[in-house]
């Protein structure tokens, strides 16, 4: 069974903040099962965007896995535009932003 999105997001924010990054919820989605997107920003004005990986790439049923939708080094404006489009398709999505000098996402990435 998969954790509710709200609980999972709270844990991610705590994990990132506890490791010295700064994480915040930019958009609250559906509490039970909203899709989660994570933007990781760096001081140079670039960022990366991570979103849900295909279900077939999950290691275990119910486990949340992510993949890079836009790689590190992407201009923030491009990521913001992508998220505006995503929100147009799915009003239940979550957006978490992590500011980290090292570019850490604190996610389990598919394929690695």
Protein backbone atom coordinates (compact mmCIF):
# COMPACT_ATOMS: atom_id res chain seq x y z
CA UNK A 1 0.00 0.00 0.00
CA UNK A 2 1.27 3.45 -0.91
CA UNK A 3 1.51 6.28 1.63
CA UNK A 4 -0.90 9.13 1.11
CA UNK A 5 0.66 11.96 -0.87
CA UNK A 6 0.30 14.46 2.00
CA UNK A 7 2.23 12.25 4.41
CA UNK A 8 4.90 11.45 1.82
CA UNK A 9 5.41 15.15 1.01
CA UNK A 10 5.76 16.04 4.70
CA UNK A 11 8.44 13.37 5.08
CA UNK A 12 10.36 14.63 2.02
CA UNK A 13 10.33 18.21 3.32
CA UNK A 14 11.59 17.07 6.74
CA UNK A 15 14.31 14.93 5.15
CA UNK A 16 15.59 17.77 2.97
CA UNK A 17 15.45 20.40 5.71
CA UNK A 18 17.16 18.02 8.15
CA UNK A 19 20.03 17.58 5.69
CA UNK A 20 20.70 21.30 5.42
CA UNK A 21 18.65 22.12 2.31
CA UNK A 22 15.58 24.34 2.29
CA UNK A 23 12.37 22.63 1.15
CA UNK A 24 8.90 24.09 0.86
CA UNK A 25 5.51 23.16 -0.50
CA UNK A 26 4.68 25.42 -3.44
CA UNK A 27 1.39 23.76 -4.34
CA UNK A 28 -0.81 21.48 -2.26
CA UNK A 29 -2.42 18.68 -4.21
CA UNK A 30 -4.89 15.93 -3.46
CA UNK A 31 -4.17 14.58 0.02
CA UNK A 32 -4.62 10.91 -0.84
CA UNK A 33 -3.11 10.39 -4.27
CA UNK A 34 -2.03 13.60 -6.01
CA UNK A 35 0.98 13.37 -8.34
CA UNK A 36 4.14 14.83 -6.80
CA UNK A 37 6.66 16.99 -8.66
CA UNK A 38 9.92 18.23 -7.15
CA UNK A 39 11.88 21.25 -8.37
CA UNK A 40 15.49 21.44 -7.18
CA UNK A 41 17.00 24.90 -7.52
CA UNK A 42 20.61 26.00 -7.36
CA UNK A 43 22.13 29.44 -6.67
CA UNK A 44 23.02 30.04 -10.36
CA UNK A 45 19.36 30.33 -11.39
CA UNK A 46 19.11 26.85 -12.84
CA UNK A 47 17.10 23.92 -11.60
CA UNK A 48 15.93 20.37 -12.25
CA UNK A 49 12.40 18.99 -12.31
CA UNK A 50 11.51 15.50 -11.14
CA UNK A 51 8.17 13.80 -11.55
CA UNK A 52 6.56 10.39 -11.17
CA UNK A 53 8.33 7.59 -13.03
CA UNK A 54 6.36 5.15 -15.12
CA UNK A 55 4.69 2.50 -12.97
CA UNK A 56 6.64 -0.23 -14.78
CA UNK A 57 9.89 1.24 -13.47
CA UNK A 58 8.87 1.00 -9.80
CA UNK A 59 11.04 -1.33 -7.75
CA UNK A 60 8.18 -2.51 -5.53
CA UNK A 61 4.42 -2.12 -5.90
CA UNK A 62 3.30 1.02 -4.08
CA UNK A 63 6.79 2.53 -3.88
CA UNK A 64 7.17 6.06 -5.25
CA UNK A 65 9.92 6.45 -7.85
CA UNK A 66 10.84 9.57 -9.75
CA UNK A 67 12.61 10.47 -12.96
CA UNK A 68 14.17 13.69 -14.21
CA UNK A 69 11.67 15.44 -16.45
CA UNK A 70 14.01 18.40 -16.99
CA UNK A 71 17.68 17.82 -16.11
CA UNK A 72 19.88 19.83 -13.74
CA UNK A 73 21.02 23.04 -15.42
CA UNK A 74 17.61 23.87 -16.91
CA UNK A 75 16.63 27.56 -16.65
CA UNK A 76 14.06 28.05 -13.89
CA UNK A 77 11.67 29.83 -16.29
CA UNK A 78 11.46 26.67 -18.39
CA UNK A 79 10.57 24.60 -15.34
CA UNK A 80 7.94 27.10 -14.22
CA UNK A 81 6.36 27.00 -17.68
CA UNK A 82 6.31 23.19 -17.62
CA UNK A 83 4.66 23.17 -14.19
CA UNK A 84 2.02 25.68 -15.32
CA UNK A 85 1.12 23.27 -18.16
CA UNK A 86 1.10 20.27 -15.80
CA UNK A 87 -1.22 22.11 -13.38
CA UNK A 88 -3.54 22.82 -16.31
CA UNK A 89 -3.86 19.07 -16.90
CA UNK A 90 -3.93 17.97 -13.26
CA UNK A 91 -5.33 20.29 -10.61
CA UNK A 92 -4.53 17.70 -7.89
CA UNK A 93 -0.73 17.75 -8.28
CA UNK A 94 1.78 18.73 -5.60
CA UNK A 95 4.85 20.90 -6.24
CA UNK A 96 7.71 20.83 -3.78
CA UNK A 97 10.71 23.12 -4.21
CA UNK A 98 14.08 22.31 -2.71
CA UNK A 99 16.91 24.83 -2.64
CA UNK A 100 20.19 22.98 -2.29
CA UNK A 101 23.69 24.09 -3.25
CA UNK A 102 24.61 20.46 -3.98
CA UNK A 103 21.54 19.89 -6.18
CA UNK A 104 20.25 16.98 -4.09
CA UNK A 105 16.67 15.88 -4.76
CA UNK A 106 16.29 13.49 -1.80
CA UNK A 107 14.24 11.20 -4.08
CA UNK A 108 14.42 7.57 -5.14
CA UNK A 109 15.15 7.90 -8.84
CA UNK A 110 14.10 5.26 -11.35
CA UNK A 111 17.00 3.56 -13.04
CA UNK A 112 19.54 4.68 -10.52
